[in-house]
Amino acid sequence: MGPAGDHRRQRPIVPCLPTAERPRTKKASDEVPPEAGGPGDTGDSVKGSCSHALQRRLRGVTAPGHGSGVRLIPIRDTIPHRNAPVMTWTIIAVNVFVFLYELALPPGDLEGLFYLFGVVPARYSHPEWANWAGLSMDSYWPFLTSMFLHGGWVHLIGNMWSLWIFGDNVEDVMGPWRFLVFYLLTGLVAGMTHYFLNLDSTAPTVGASGAIAGVLGAYFVLYPRSRIVVMVPIFFFPFFFQLPALTYLLFWFLSQVFGGAIAGLSSSQVSGIAFWAHVGGFLAGVVLHWLFIFHERERPRRFQRDELGIEGAWAHRP
């Protein structure tokens, strides 16, 4: 595996290889659908700059709720937050700020940004390729910085909407700083899961939903009887109904497992979702959340039914 030619050596920060020289990308890898401004595989030969391929096919962790045949779009939950979710708002603000910065970049610089600060698995597993591409193998910051990059408006809005719905209640039982550490830790686990299952991928992985999947995992354990108002679009008509959080999140988790299994059997990379990154983040949230929650005596009191809003008056208390 070596350089593609002298004309490519002059472009050290554009890690696009001819098909024959690229490491084979795993099939279960993470891709944002084109309409989300997101990623795809890197299997096609790219001439000159990779910017057009990047715009069409940047690999990214998409928002929870995407990727299944039946789309259950969460609208809200029925548990109000007790304290202002300052850290949740801050994380959303940072993601929006970074995305606005991305919009201001020309295509070539945007491409370099994603390759330098997104997770490119081959950067660590294929030293010769990483050296040719001009990517440092000693920097592990991309596992952190990739959580704050997004491939398009739909990618960003889907992720931040899910964080807005589920993050505030998890932050309530952790406090802002513990919640931040928990969020970043589960995001790192999701990124490492994606890396180990896609060692040969030369495409950058970006997006916050690995970390958000960790938040969903914590919510799944902490608020199983909460009610989630979801929308199902059928022939352009929106239908709204409520599901227990246990049902909604279990359905979402199993859809990621099923999607990852199907993508692993596919002969082409068409999934559009980092299924196993989501699975890794969710399981990390389920397992690790108890390390960050307040002791029972330090938590705010539980809401009574008449404090949960009209939807909660008849629902089981979380």
C-alpha atoms as a PDB file:
ATOM      1  CA  MET A   1       0.000   0.000   0.000  1.00  0.00           C
ATOM      2  CA  GLY A   2       1.749   3.153  -1.135  1.00  0.00           C
ATOM      3  CA  PRO A   3       1.271   6.587  -2.689  1.00  0.00           C
ATOM      4  CA  ALA A   4      -0.846   6.834  -5.788  1.00  0.00           C
ATOM      5  CA  GLY A   5       1.647   8.883  -7.746  1.00  0.00           C
ATOM      6  CA  ASP A   6       3.637  12.099  -7.742  1.00  0.00           C
ATOM      7  CA  HIS A   7       0.595  14.203  -8.554  1.00  0.00           C
ATOM      8  CA  ARG A   8      -1.082  12.936  -5.368  1.00  0.00           C
ATOM      9  CA  ARG A   9       1.944  13.323  -3.129  1.00  0.00           C
ATOM     10  CA  GLN A  10       1.621  17.060  -3.519  1.00  0.00           C
ATOM     11  CA  ARG A  11      -1.694  16.867  -1.611  1.00  0.00           C
ATOM     12  CA  PRO A  12      -0.742  15.434   1.775  1.00  0.00           C
ATOM     13  CA  ILE A  13      -3.970  16.275   3.592  1.00  0.00           C
ATOM     14  CA  VAL A  14      -6.335  14.697   1.064  1.00  0.00           C
ATOM     15  CA  PRO A  15      -6.321  11.037   2.092  1.00  0.00           C
ATOM     16  CA  CYS A  16      -8.150   9.660  -0.939  1.00  0.00           C
ATOM     17  CA  LEU A  17      -6.661   6.572  -2.523  1.00  0.00           C
ATOM     18  CA  PRO A  18      -7.460   4.811  -5.783  1.00  0.00           C
ATOM     19  CA  THR A  19      -9.679   1.814  -5.148  1.00  0.00           C
ATOM     20  CA  ALA A  20      -6.905  -0.714  -5.611  1.00  0.00           C
ATOM     21  CA  GLU A  21      -4.686   0.942  -3.001  1.00  0.00           C
ATOM     22  CA  ARG A  22      -7.241   1.673  -0.302  1.00  0.00           C
ATOM     23  CA  PRO A  23      -7.687  -0.491   2.748  1.00  0.00           C
ATOM     24  CA  ARG A  24     -10.984  -2.340   2.433  1.00  0.00           C
ATOM     25  CA  THR A  25     -13.657  -0.603   4.500  1.00  0.00           C
ATOM     26  CA  LYS A  26     -15.791  -2.680   6.847  1.00  0.00           C
ATOM     27  CA  LYS A  27     -19.376  -3.134   5.740  1.00  0.00           C
ATOM     28  CA  ALA A  28     -20.901  -2.312   9.122  1.00  0.00           C
ATOM     29  CA  SER A  29     -19.390   1.126   9.119  1.00  0.00           C
ATOM     30  CA  ASP A  30     -21.089   4.396   9.784  1.00  0.00           C
ATOM     31  CA  GLU A  31     -22.494   6.565   7.049  1.00  0.00           C
ATOM     32  CA  VAL A  32     -24.817   9.553   7.125  1.00  0.00           C
ATOM     33  CA  PRO A  33     -27.407   9.389   4.336  1.00  0.00           C
ATOM     34  CA  PRO A  34     -26.764  11.856   1.471  1.00  0.00           C
ATOM     35  CA  GLU A  35     -29.811  13.881   2.403  1.00  0.00           C
ATOM     36  CA  ALA A  36     -28.291  14.396   5.854  1.00  0.00           C
ATOM     37  CA  GLY A  37     -25.120  15.738   4.295  1.00  0.00           C
ATOM     38  CA  GLY A  38     -23.485  12.611   5.604  1.00  0.00           C
ATOM     39  CA  PRO A  39     -21.095   9.873   4.807  1.00  0.00           C
ATOM     40  CA  GLY A  40     -20.729   6.875   2.660  1.00  0.00           C
ATOM     41  CA  ASP A  41     -18.016   4.435   1.927  1.00  0.00           C
ATOM     42  CA  THR A  42     -14.796   5.327   0.185  1.00  0.00           C
ATOM     43  CA  GLY A  43     -14.885   2.532  -2.352  1.00  0.00           C
ATOM     44  CA  ASP A  44     -14.961   4.691  -5.504  1.00  0.00           C
ATOM     45  CA  SER A  45     -11.891   6.157  -7.134  1.00  0.00           C
ATOM     46  CA  VAL A  46     -11.660   9.901  -6.545  1.00  0.00           C
ATOM     47  CA  LYS A  47      -9.943  12.227  -8.988  1.00  0.00           C
ATOM     48  CA  GLY A  48      -8.271  15.352  -7.675  1.00  0.00           C
ATOM     49  CA  SER A  49      -9.863  16.795  -4.573  1.00  0.00           C
ATOM     50  CA  CYS A  50     -12.156  14.567  -2.506  1.00  0.00           C
ATOM     51  CA  SER A  51     -14.464  17.449  -1.601  1.00  0.00           C
ATOM     52  CA  HIS A  52     -17.417  16.285  -3.700  1.00  0.00           C
ATOM     53  CA  ALA A  53     -17.146  12.761  -2.376  1.00  0.00           C
ATOM     54  CA  LEU A  54     -16.836  14.168   1.126  1.00  0.00           C
ATOM     55  CA  GLN A  55     -20.004  16.206   0.794  1.00  0.00           C
ATOM     56  CA  ARG A  56     -21.921  13.195  -0.519  1.00  0.00           C
ATOM     57  CA  ARG A  57     -20.419  10.520   1.650  1.00  0.00           C
ATOM     58  CA  LEU A  58     -18.768  11.733   4.826  1.00  0.00           C
ATOM     59  CA  ARG A  59     -18.936   8.984   7.372  1.00  0.00           C
ATOM     60  CA  GLY A  60     -20.752  10.069  10.521  1.00  0.00           C
ATOM     61  CA  VAL A  61     -22.677   8.836  13.511  1.00  0.00           C
ATOM     62  CA  THR A  62     -26.264   9.789  12.857  1.00  0.00           C
ATOM     63  CA  ALA A  63     -28.995  10.692  15.288  1.00  0.00           C
ATOM     64  CA  PRO A  64     -30.911   8.109  17.287  1.00  0.00           C
ATOM     65  CA  GLY A  65     -34.187   7.407  15.533  1.00  0.00           C
ATOM     66  CA  HIS A  66     -32.637   7.124  12.057  1.00  0.00           C
ATOM     67  CA  GLY A  67     -31.894   3.958  10.244  1.00  0.00           C
ATOM     68  CA  SER A  68     -34.824   1.691  10.936  1.00  0.00           C
ATOM     69  CA  GLY A  69     -37.576   0.789   8.514  1.00  0.00           C
ATOM     70  CA  VAL A  70     -40.258   2.314  10.758  1.00  0.00           C
ATOM     71  CA  ARG A  71     -39.295   5.828  11.758  1.00  0.00           C
ATOM     72  CA  LEU A  72     -40.427   6.724  15.260  1.00  0.00           C
ATOM     73  CA  ILE A  73     -39.480  10.364  15.641  1.00  0.00           C
ATOM     74  CA  PRO A  74     -39.377  11.451  19.305  1.00  0.00           C
ATOM     75  CA  ILE A  75     -41.173  14.722  19.965  1.00  0.00           C
ATOM     76  CA  ARG A  76     -40.902  15.024  23.748  1.00  0.00           C
ATOM     77  CA  ASP A  77     -40.995  13.069  26.972  1.00  0.00           C
ATOM     78  CA  THR A  78     -43.438  13.621  29.825  1.00  0.00           C
ATOM     79  CA  ILE A  79     -40.913  14.274  32.605  1.00  0.00           C
ATOM     80  CA  PRO A  80     -40.044  17.940  33.168  1.00  0.00           C
ATOM     81  CA  HIS A  81     -36.563  18.718  34.362  1.00  0.00           C
ATOM     82  CA  ARG A  82     -36.145  19.830  37.956  1.00  0.00           C
ATOM     83  CA  ASN A  83     -33.053  21.967  37.393  1.00  0.00           C
ATOM     84  CA  ALA A  84     -32.018  23.971  34.369  1.00  0.00           C
ATOM     85  CA  PRO A  85     -30.043  21.529  32.163  1.00  0.00           C
ATOM     86  CA  VAL A  86     -27.154  23.936  31.761  1.00  0.00           C
ATOM     87  CA  MET A  87     -24.680  21.351  30.504  1.00  0.00           C
ATOM     88  CA  THR A  88     -27.107  19.902  27.968  1.00  0.00           C
ATOM     89  CA  TRP A  89     -27.715  23.395  26.610  1.00  0.00           C
ATOM     90  CA  THR A  90     -23.977  24.078  26.571  1.00  0.00           C
ATOM     91  CA  ILE A  91     -23.204  20.901  24.611  1.00  0.00           C
ATOM     92  CA  ILE A  92     -25.903  21.804  22.083  1.00  0.00           C
ATOM     93  CA  ALA A  93     -24.550  25.348  21.781  1.00  0.00           C
ATOM     94  CA  VAL A  94     -20.984  24.111  21.199  1.00  0.00           C
ATOM     95  CA  ASN A  95     -22.156  21.714  18.488  1.00  0.00           C
ATOM     96  CA  VAL A  96     -24.120  24.460  16.746  1.00  0.00           C
ATOM     97  CA  PHE A  97     -21.176  26.864  16.968  1.00  0.00           C
ATOM     98  CA  VAL A  98     -18.795  24.305  15.468  1.00  0.00           C
ATOM     99  CA  PHE A  99     -21.243  23.527  12.679  1.00  0.00           C
ATOM    100  CA  LEU A 100     -21.588  27.211  11.820  1.00  0.00           C
ATOM    101  CA  TYR A 101     -17.802  27.333  11.636  1.00  0.00           C
ATOM    102  CA  GLU A 102     -17.901  24.364   9.243  1.00  0.00           C
ATOM    103  CA  LEU A 103     -20.334  26.242   6.988  1.00  0.00           C
ATOM    104  CA  ALA A 104     -17.886  29.127   6.709  1.00  0.00           C
ATOM    105  CA  LEU A 105     -15.076  26.917   5.396  1.00  0.00           C
ATOM    106  CA  PRO A 106     -14.338  26.370   1.712  1.00  0.00           C
ATOM    107  CA  PRO A 107     -14.763  22.736   0.554  1.00  0.00           C
ATOM    108  CA  GLY A 108     -11.047  21.909   0.638  1.00  0.00           C
ATOM    109  CA  ASP A 109     -10.599  23.199   4.185  1.00  0.00           C
ATOM    110  CA  LEU A 110     -13.785  21.457   5.327  1.00  0.00           C
ATOM    111  CA  GLU A 111     -12.439  18.228   3.918  1.00  0.00           C
ATOM    112  CA  GLY A 112      -9.194  18.648   5.816  1.00  0.00           C
ATOM    113  CA  LEU A 113     -11.095  19.466   9.007  1.00  0.00           C
ATOM    114  CA  PHE A 114     -13.040  16.212   8.870  1.00  0.00           C
ATOM    115  CA  TYR A 115      -9.981  14.121   8.151  1.00  0.00           C
ATOM    116  CA  LEU A 116      -7.906  15.767  10.860  1.00  0.00           C
ATOM    117  CA  PHE A 117     -10.555  15.884  13.611  1.00  0.00           C
ATOM    118  CA  GLY A 118     -12.856  13.004  12.632  1.00  0.00           C
ATOM    119  CA  VAL A 119     -12.063   9.391  13.475  1.00  0.00           C
ATOM    120  CA  VAL A 120     -10.339   7.711  10.520  1.00  0.00           C
ATOM    121  CA  PRO A 121      -9.718   4.111  11.628  1.00  0.00           C
ATOM    122  CA  ALA A 122      -7.014   3.426   9.021  1.00  0.00           C
ATOM    123  CA  ARG A 123      -5.061   6.323  10.508  1.00  0.00           C
ATOM    124  CA  TYR A 124      -4.170   4.070  13.438  1.00  0.00           C
ATOM    125  CA  SER A 125      -4.269   0.615  11.850  1.00  0.00           C
ATOM    126  CA  HIS A 126      -2.411   1.350   8.580  1.00  0.00           C
ATOM    127  CA  PRO A 127       0.729   3.401   9.386  1.00  0.00           C
ATOM    128  CA  GLU A 128       1.938   3.565   5.773  1.00  0.00           C
ATOM    129  CA  TRP A 129      -1.355   4.959   4.564  1.00  0.00           C
ATOM    130  CA  ALA A 130      -1.540   7.433   7.456  1.00  0.00           C
ATOM    131  CA  ASN A 131       1.990   8.630   6.702  1.00  0.00           C
ATOM    132  CA  TRP A 132       1.172   9.097   3.029  1.00  0.00           C
ATOM    133  CA  ALA A 133      -2.035  10.940   3.896  1.00  0.00           C
ATOM    134  CA  GLY A 134      -0.232  13.281   6.279  1.00  0.00           C
ATOM    135  CA  LEU A 135      -2.191  12.163   9.348  1.00  0.00           C
ATOM    136  CA  SER A 136      -0.460  11.777  12.691  1.00  0.00           C
ATOM    137  CA  MET A 137      -0.780   8.342  14.266  1.00  0.00           C
ATOM    138  CA  ASP A 138       0.130   9.705  17.702  1.00  0.00           C
ATOM    139  CA  SER A 139      -2.900  11.969  18.115  1.00  0.00           C
ATOM    140  CA  TYR A 140      -6.002  10.441  19.688  1.00  0.00           C
ATOM    141  CA  TRP A 141      -7.882  13.728  20.004  1.00  0.00           C
ATOM    142  CA  PRO A 142     -10.166  12.831  17.058  1.00  0.00           C
ATOM    143  CA  PHE A 143     -12.005  10.364  19.284  1.00  0.00           C
ATOM    144  CA  LEU A 144     -13.080  13.436  21.274  1.00  0.00           C
ATOM    145  CA  THR A 145     -13.304  16.147  18.613  1.00  0.00           C
ATOM    146  CA  SER A 146     -15.341  13.992  16.219  1.00  0.00           C
ATOM    147  CA  MET A 147     -18.271  14.228  18.660  1.00  0.00           C
ATOM    148  CA  PHE A 148     -18.645  17.923  17.837  1.00  0.00           C
ATOM    149  CA  LEU A 149     -18.542  17.699  14.037  1.00  0.00           C
ATOM    150  CA  HIS A 150     -21.561  17.065  11.822  1.00  0.00           C
ATOM    151  CA  GLY A 151     -22.023  16.356   8.140  1.00  0.00           C
ATOM    152  CA  GLY A 152     -25.131  18.456   7.482  1.00  0.00           C
ATOM    153  CA  TRP A 153     -28.134  20.250   8.913  1.00  0.00           C
ATOM    154  CA  VAL A 154     -30.286  17.127   9.237  1.00  0.00           C
ATOM    155  CA  HIS A 155     -27.410  15.304  10.933  1.00  0.00           C
ATOM    156  CA  LEU A 156     -26.957  18.147  13.430  1.00  0.00           C
ATOM    157  CA  ILE A 157     -30.649  18.790  14.124  1.00  0.00           C
ATOM    158  CA  GLY A 158     -31.465  15.102  14.592  1.00  0.00           C
ATOM    159  CA  ASN A 159     -28.672  14.644  17.108  1.00  0.00           C
ATOM    160  CA  MET A 160     -29.304  17.831  19.061  1.00  0.00           C
ATOM    161  CA  TRP A 161     -33.060  17.219  19.156  1.00  0.00           C
ATOM    162  CA  SER A 162     -32.514  13.814  20.731  1.00  0.00           C
ATOM    163  CA  LEU A 163     -30.074  15.289  23.249  1.00  0.00           C
ATOM    164  CA  TRP A 164     -32.583  18.047  24.060  1.00  0.00           C
ATOM    165  CA  ILE A 165     -35.326  15.496  24.818  1.00  0.00           C
ATOM    166  CA  PHE A 166     -33.366  12.935  26.827  1.00  0.00           C
ATOM    167  CA  GLY A 167     -30.354  14.810  28.180  1.00  0.00           C
ATOM    168  CA  ASP A 168     -32.061  17.084  30.703  1.00  0.00           C
ATOM    169  CA  ASN A 169     -33.467  14.298  32.880  1.00  0.00           C
ATOM    170  CA  VAL A 170     -30.196  12.372  32.915  1.00  0.00           C
ATOM    171  CA  GLU A 171     -28.371  15.570  33.841  1.00  0.00           C
ATOM    172  CA  ASP A 172     -30.884  16.035  36.679  1.00  0.00           C
ATOM    173  CA  VAL A 173     -29.664  12.899  38.463  1.00  0.00           C
ATOM    174  CA  MET A 174     -25.973  13.452  37.685  1.00  0.00           C
ATOM    175  CA  GLY A 175     -25.412  17.162  37.921  1.00  0.00           C
ATOM    176  CA  PRO A 176     -23.849  19.159  35.071  1.00  0.00           C
ATOM    177  CA  TRP A 177     -20.180  18.211  35.452  1.00  0.00           C
ATOM    178  CA  ARG A 178     -20.748  14.515  36.050  1.00  0.00           C
ATOM    179  CA  PHE A 179     -23.102  14.518  33.092  1.00  0.00           C
ATOM    180  CA  LEU A 180     -20.408  16.074  30.891  1.00  0.00           C
ATOM    181  CA  VAL A 181     -17.860  13.421  31.872  1.00  0.00           C
ATOM    182  CA  PHE A 182     -20.461  10.685  31.328  1.00  0.00           C
ATOM    183  CA  TYR A 183     -21.405  12.088  27.911  1.00  0.00           C
ATOM    184  CA  LEU A 184     -17.799  12.252  26.735  1.00  0.00           C
ATOM    185  CA  LEU A 185     -16.931   8.833  28.148  1.00  0.00           C
ATOM    186  CA  THR A 186     -19.798   7.056  26.399  1.00  0.00           C
ATOM    187  CA  GLY A 187     -18.918   8.924  23.211  1.00  0.00           C
ATOM    188  CA  LEU A 188     -15.354   7.614  23.474  1.00  0.00           C
ATOM    189  CA  VAL A 189     -16.641   4.069  23.951  1.00  0.00           C
ATOM    190  CA  ALA A 190     -18.845   4.470  20.862  1.00  0.00           C
ATOM    191  CA  GLY A 191     -15.900   5.790  18.856  1.00  0.00           C
ATOM    192  CA  MET A 192     -13.664   2.917  19.942  1.00  0.00           C
ATOM    193  CA  THR A 193     -16.408   0.419  19.069  1.00  0.00           C
ATOM    194  CA  HIS A 194     -16.593   1.883  15.579  1.00  0.00           C
ATOM    195  CA  TYR A 195     -12.798   1.836  15.271  1.00  0.00           C
ATOM    196  CA  PHE A 196     -12.344  -1.813  16.223  1.00  0.00           C
ATOM    197  CA  LEU A 197     -15.106  -2.922  13.847  1.00  0.00           C
ATOM    198  CA  ASN A 198     -13.836  -0.771  10.953  1.00  0.00           C
ATOM    199  CA  LEU A 199     -10.058  -1.017  11.165  1.00  0.00           C
ATOM    200  CA  ASP A 200      -9.565  -0.596   7.406  1.00  0.00           C
ATOM    201  CA  SER A 201     -11.848   2.376   6.862  1.00  0.00           C
ATOM    202  CA  THR A 202     -10.240   5.432   5.264  1.00  0.00           C
ATOM    203  CA  ALA A 203     -13.319   7.630   5.697  1.00  0.00           C
ATOM    204  CA  PRO A 204     -13.729  10.077   8.591  1.00  0.00           C
ATOM    205  CA  THR A 205     -16.382   9.402  11.211  1.00  0.00           C
ATOM    206  CA  VAL A 206     -18.109  12.429  12.707  1.00  0.00           C
ATOM    207  CA  GLY A 207     -21.179  13.036  14.849  1.00  0.00           C
ATOM    208  CA  ALA A 208     -22.484  13.190  18.398  1.00  0.00           C
ATOM    209  CA  SER A 209     -24.943  10.320  18.411  1.00  0.00           C
ATOM    210  CA  GLY A 210     -22.497   7.785  19.830  1.00  0.00           C
ATOM    211  CA  ALA A 211     -22.432   9.923  22.986  1.00  0.00           C
ATOM    212  CA  ILE A 212     -26.175  10.552  22.734  1.00  0.00           C
ATOM    213  CA  ALA A 213     -26.718   6.793  22.565  1.00  0.00           C
ATOM    214  CA  GLY A 214     -24.993   6.651  25.954  1.00  0.00           C
ATOM    215  CA  VAL A 215     -27.491   9.196  27.279  1.00  0.00           C
ATOM    216  CA  LEU A 216     -30.305   7.020  25.920  1.00  0.00           C
ATOM    217  CA  GLY A 217     -28.821   4.012  27.706  1.00  0.00           C
ATOM    218  CA  ALA A 218     -28.857   5.879  31.012  1.00  0.00           C
ATOM    219  CA  TYR A 219     -32.418   7.115  30.394  1.00  0.00           C
ATOM    220  CA  PHE A 220     -33.474   3.545  29.580  1.00  0.00           C
ATOM    221  CA  VAL A 221     -32.455   2.417  33.074  1.00  0.00           C
ATOM    222  CA  LEU A 222     -33.400   5.531  35.044  1.00  0.00           C
ATOM    223  CA  TYR A 223     -36.807   6.335  33.510  1.00  0.00           C
ATOM    224  CA  PRO A 224     -38.227   3.119  32.024  1.00  0.00           C
ATOM    225  CA  ARG A 225     -41.836   4.141  32.713  1.00  0.00           C
ATOM    226  CA  SER A 226     -41.571   7.623  31.308  1.00  0.00           C
ATOM    227  CA  ARG A 227     -43.772   8.286  28.289  1.00  0.00           C
ATOM    228  CA  ILE A 228     -42.274   9.353  24.955  1.00  0.00           C
ATOM    229  CA  VAL A 229     -44.483  11.232  22.504  1.00  0.00           C
ATOM    230  CA  VAL A 230     -43.482  10.004  19.049  1.00  0.00           C
ATOM    231  CA  MET A 231     -44.502  10.885  15.506  1.00  0.00           C
ATOM    232  CA  VAL A 232     -44.790   8.366  12.694  1.00  0.00           C
ATOM    233  CA  PRO A 233     -45.062   9.919   9.211  1.00  0.00           C
ATOM    234  CA  ILE A 234     -47.336   7.796   7.008  1.00  0.00           C
ATOM    235  CA  PHE A 235     -47.872   9.016   3.448  1.00  0.00           C
ATOM    236  CA  PHE A 236     -46.908  12.553   4.464  1.00  0.00           C
ATOM    237  CA  PHE A 237     -49.426  12.559   7.332  1.00  0.00           C
ATOM    238  CA  PRO A 238     -48.002  12.729  10.870  1.00  0.00           C
ATOM    239  CA  PHE A 239     -49.478  10.408  13.477  1.00  0.00           C
ATOM    240  CA  PHE A 240     -48.731  11.092  17.140  1.00  0.00           C
ATOM    241  CA  PHE A 241     -48.931   8.670  20.030  1.00  0.00           C
ATOM    242  CA  GLN A 242     -47.171   7.789  23.284  1.00  0.00           C
ATOM    243  CA  LEU A 243     -44.897   4.883  24.070  1.00  0.00           C
ATOM    244  CA  PRO A 244     -43.269   3.886  27.343  1.00  0.00           C
ATOM    245  CA  ALA A 245     -39.615   4.870  27.282  1.00  0.00           C
ATOM    246  CA  LEU A 246     -38.722   1.227  27.878  1.00  0.00           C
ATOM    247  CA  THR A 247     -40.541   0.209  24.683  1.00  0.00           C
ATOM    248  CA  TYR A 248     -39.263   3.058  22.536  1.00  0.00           C
ATOM    249  CA  LEU A 249     -35.614   2.752  23.561  1.00  0.00           C
ATOM    250  CA  LEU A 250     -35.608  -1.045  23.413  1.00  0.00           C
ATOM    251  CA  PHE A 251     -37.067  -0.852  19.902  1.00  0.00           C
ATOM    252  CA  TRP A 252     -34.379   1.648  18.915  1.00  0.00           C
ATOM    253  CA  PHE A 253     -31.569  -0.453  20.421  1.00  0.00           C
ATOM    254  CA  LEU A 254     -32.718  -3.668  18.753  1.00  0.00           C
ATOM    255  CA  SER A 255     -33.016  -1.829  15.441  1.00  0.00           C
ATOM    256  CA  GLN A 256     -29.348  -0.859  15.754  1.00  0.00           C
ATOM    257  CA  VAL A 257     -28.309  -4.445  16.486  1.00  0.00           C
ATOM    258  CA  PHE A 258     -30.415  -5.761  13.601  1.00  0.00           C
ATOM    259  CA  GLY A 259     -29.182  -3.025  11.256  1.00  0.00           C
ATOM    260  CA  GLY A 260     -25.565  -3.702  12.165  1.00  0.00           C
ATOM    261  CA  ALA A 261     -26.016  -7.418  11.530  1.00  0.00           C
ATOM    262  CA  ILE A 262     -27.635  -6.796   8.138  1.00  0.00           C
ATOM    263  CA  ALA A 263     -24.963  -4.252   7.167  1.00  0.00           C
ATOM    264  CA  GLY A 264     -22.277  -6.770   8.085  1.00  0.00           C
ATOM    265  CA  LEU A 265     -23.771  -9.275   5.652  1.00  0.00           C
ATOM    266  CA  SER A 266     -24.196  -6.774   2.845  1.00  0.00           C
ATOM    267  CA  SER A 267     -21.743  -6.808  -0.042  1.00  0.00           C
ATOM    268  CA  SER A 268     -21.888  -3.022  -0.369  1.00  0.00           C
ATOM    269  CA  GLN A 269     -21.838  -0.198   2.114  1.00  0.00           C
ATOM    270  CA  VAL A 270     -25.257   1.341   1.902  1.00  0.00           C
ATOM    271  CA  SER A 271     -26.364   1.484   5.514  1.00  0.00           C
ATOM    272  CA  GLY A 272     -25.908   5.173   6.337  1.00  0.00           C
ATOM    273  CA  ILE A 273     -25.741   4.468  10.085  1.00  0.00           C
ATOM    274  CA  ALA A 274     -22.937   3.620  12.516  1.00  0.00           C
ATOM    275  CA  PHE A 275     -25.007   0.845  14.026  1.00  0.00           C
ATOM    276  CA  TRP A 276     -22.316  -0.724  16.201  1.00  0.00           C
ATOM    277  CA  ALA A 277     -21.116   2.656  17.459  1.00  0.00           C
ATOM    278  CA  HIS A 278     -24.681   3.281  18.637  1.00  0.00           C
ATOM    279  CA  VAL A 279     -24.816  -0.150  20.243  1.00  0.00           C
ATOM    280  CA  GLY A 280     -21.491   0.447  22.019  1.00  0.00           C
ATOM    281  CA  GLY A 281     -22.548   3.874  23.269  1.00  0.00           C
ATOM    282  CA  PHE A 282     -25.942   2.647  24.479  1.00  0.00           C
ATOM    283  CA  LEU A 283     -24.466  -0.303  26.380  1.00  0.00           C
ATOM    284  CA  ALA A 284     -21.832   1.984  27.896  1.00  0.00           C
ATOM    285  CA  GLY A 285     -24.632   4.234  29.153  1.00  0.00           C
ATOM    286  CA  VAL A 286     -26.520   1.292  30.644  1.00  0.00           C
ATOM    287  CA  VAL A 287     -23.431  -0.066  32.407  1.00  0.00           C
ATOM    288  CA  LEU A 288     -21.635   3.125  33.468  1.00  0.00           C
ATOM    289  CA  HIS A 289     -24.403   5.553  34.392  1.00  0.00           C
ATOM    290  CA  TRP A 290     -24.559   4.456  38.051  1.00  0.00           C
ATOM    291  CA  LEU A 291     -20.994   5.730  38.567  1.00  0.00           C
ATOM    292  CA  PHE A 292     -22.184   9.281  37.920  1.00  0.00           C
ATOM    293  CA  ILE A 293     -25.588   9.608  39.573  1.00  0.00           C
ATOM    294  CA  PHE A 294     -26.134  11.322  42.898  1.00  0.00           C
ATOM    295  CA  HIS A 295     -26.841   9.244  45.957  1.00  0.00           C
ATOM    296  CA  GLU A 296     -30.559   8.903  46.611  1.00  0.00           C
ATOM    297  CA  ARG A 297     -30.507  11.396  49.463  1.00  0.00           C
ATOM    298  CA  GLU A 298     -28.847  14.026  47.240  1.00  0.00           C
ATOM    299  CA  ARG A 299     -31.346  13.767  44.417  1.00  0.00           C
ATOM    300  CA  PRO A 300     -34.309  16.140  44.037  1.00  0.00           C
ATOM    301  CA  ARG A 301     -37.612  14.727  45.235  1.00  0.00           C
ATOM    302  CA  ARG A 302     -39.709  12.757  42.777  1.00  0.00           C
ATOM    303  CA  PHE A 303     -42.527  14.506  40.964  1.00  0.00           C
ATOM    304  CA  GLN A 304     -46.083  13.752  41.926  1.00  0.00           C
ATOM    305  CA  ARG A 305     -48.520  12.815  39.180  1.00  0.00           C
ATOM    306  CA  ASP A 306     -50.211  16.205  39.107  1.00  0.00           C
ATOM    307  CA  GLU A 307     -46.810  17.833  38.464  1.00  0.00           C
ATOM    308  CA  LEU A 308     -46.063  15.852  35.305  1.00  0.00           C
ATOM    309  CA  GLY A 309     -48.381  17.764  32.985  1.00  0.00           C
ATOM    310  CA  ILE A 310     -51.662  16.624  31.519  1.00  0.00           C
ATOM    311  CA  GLU A 311     -49.996  13.669  29.793  1.00  0.00           C
ATOM    312  CA  GLY A 312     -48.440  12.488  33.031  1.00  0.00           C
ATOM    313  CA  ALA A 313     -51.583  12.668  35.126  1.00  0.00           C
ATOM    314  CA  TRP A 314     -52.672   9.248  33.874  1.00  0.00           C
ATOM    315  CA  ALA A 315     -49.216   7.792  33.241  1.00  0.00           C
ATOM    316  CA  HIS A 316     -47.204   5.648  35.581  1.00  0.00           C
ATOM    317  CA  ARG A 317     -44.869   7.705  37.705  1.00  0.00           C
ATOM    318  CA  PRO A 318     -41.208   7.339  36.581  1.00  0.00           C
END
